[in-house]
Amino acid sequence: MPETGLGYALQLCCLRYPGRYLRRGEFLPGIMLDHIAEQVGADAEAVRPTWSHPI
């Protein structure tokens, strides 16, 4: 499932920047989500409600 791989990639990116796991209620910038989804070949819209604010 590509969305699972995208979720793992996003978790690893959070450890790199901002250097920690996201806190409850924090979200990634949409542009970051889109960029990482493109790199791993997944649909960003499938995980956007969990990881980012709606556009």
Foldseek 3Di string as FASTA:
>chain_A
DLVVVLVVVVQVVVCVVVNDGDDPPDADAPVVLVVSCVVSVHDSVVCCVPHHDDD
